[in-house]
Amino acid sequence: MKTALKNHQLSGAVLNVFDQELLDKESILWDMPNVLITPHISGGFSTYNEAAFSIFYKNLQSYLAAGTVSVNQVDLNRGLLNRILNIQVA
């Protein structure tokens, strides 16, 4: 697939799952203009709003008290989010 994308035999791809998770930081897929890499967000469920608010509220309380979030903390050093958002980690 990488070769087909590079040679424009495939015009583009939207990718969500890889043989190796997390996708290697050095993978050429990150920098290909015809590839969109998305996070794992498979959709909603009947109590999604309540679950999301619960996480938000716990994190808000934690952030206001200690300056950090307590649930689902993202480790930017792992590489996925900073690649998606195209940001550098200090």
Foldseek 3Di string as FASTA:
>chain_A
DVVCCVVVVPQAEEDEDDPDPPDDLPDPLLVRPRYHYDYPDPDDDPCRVVVVVVQVVQQVVCCVVPNGGDPPDDDCVVPDVCSNVVHDDD
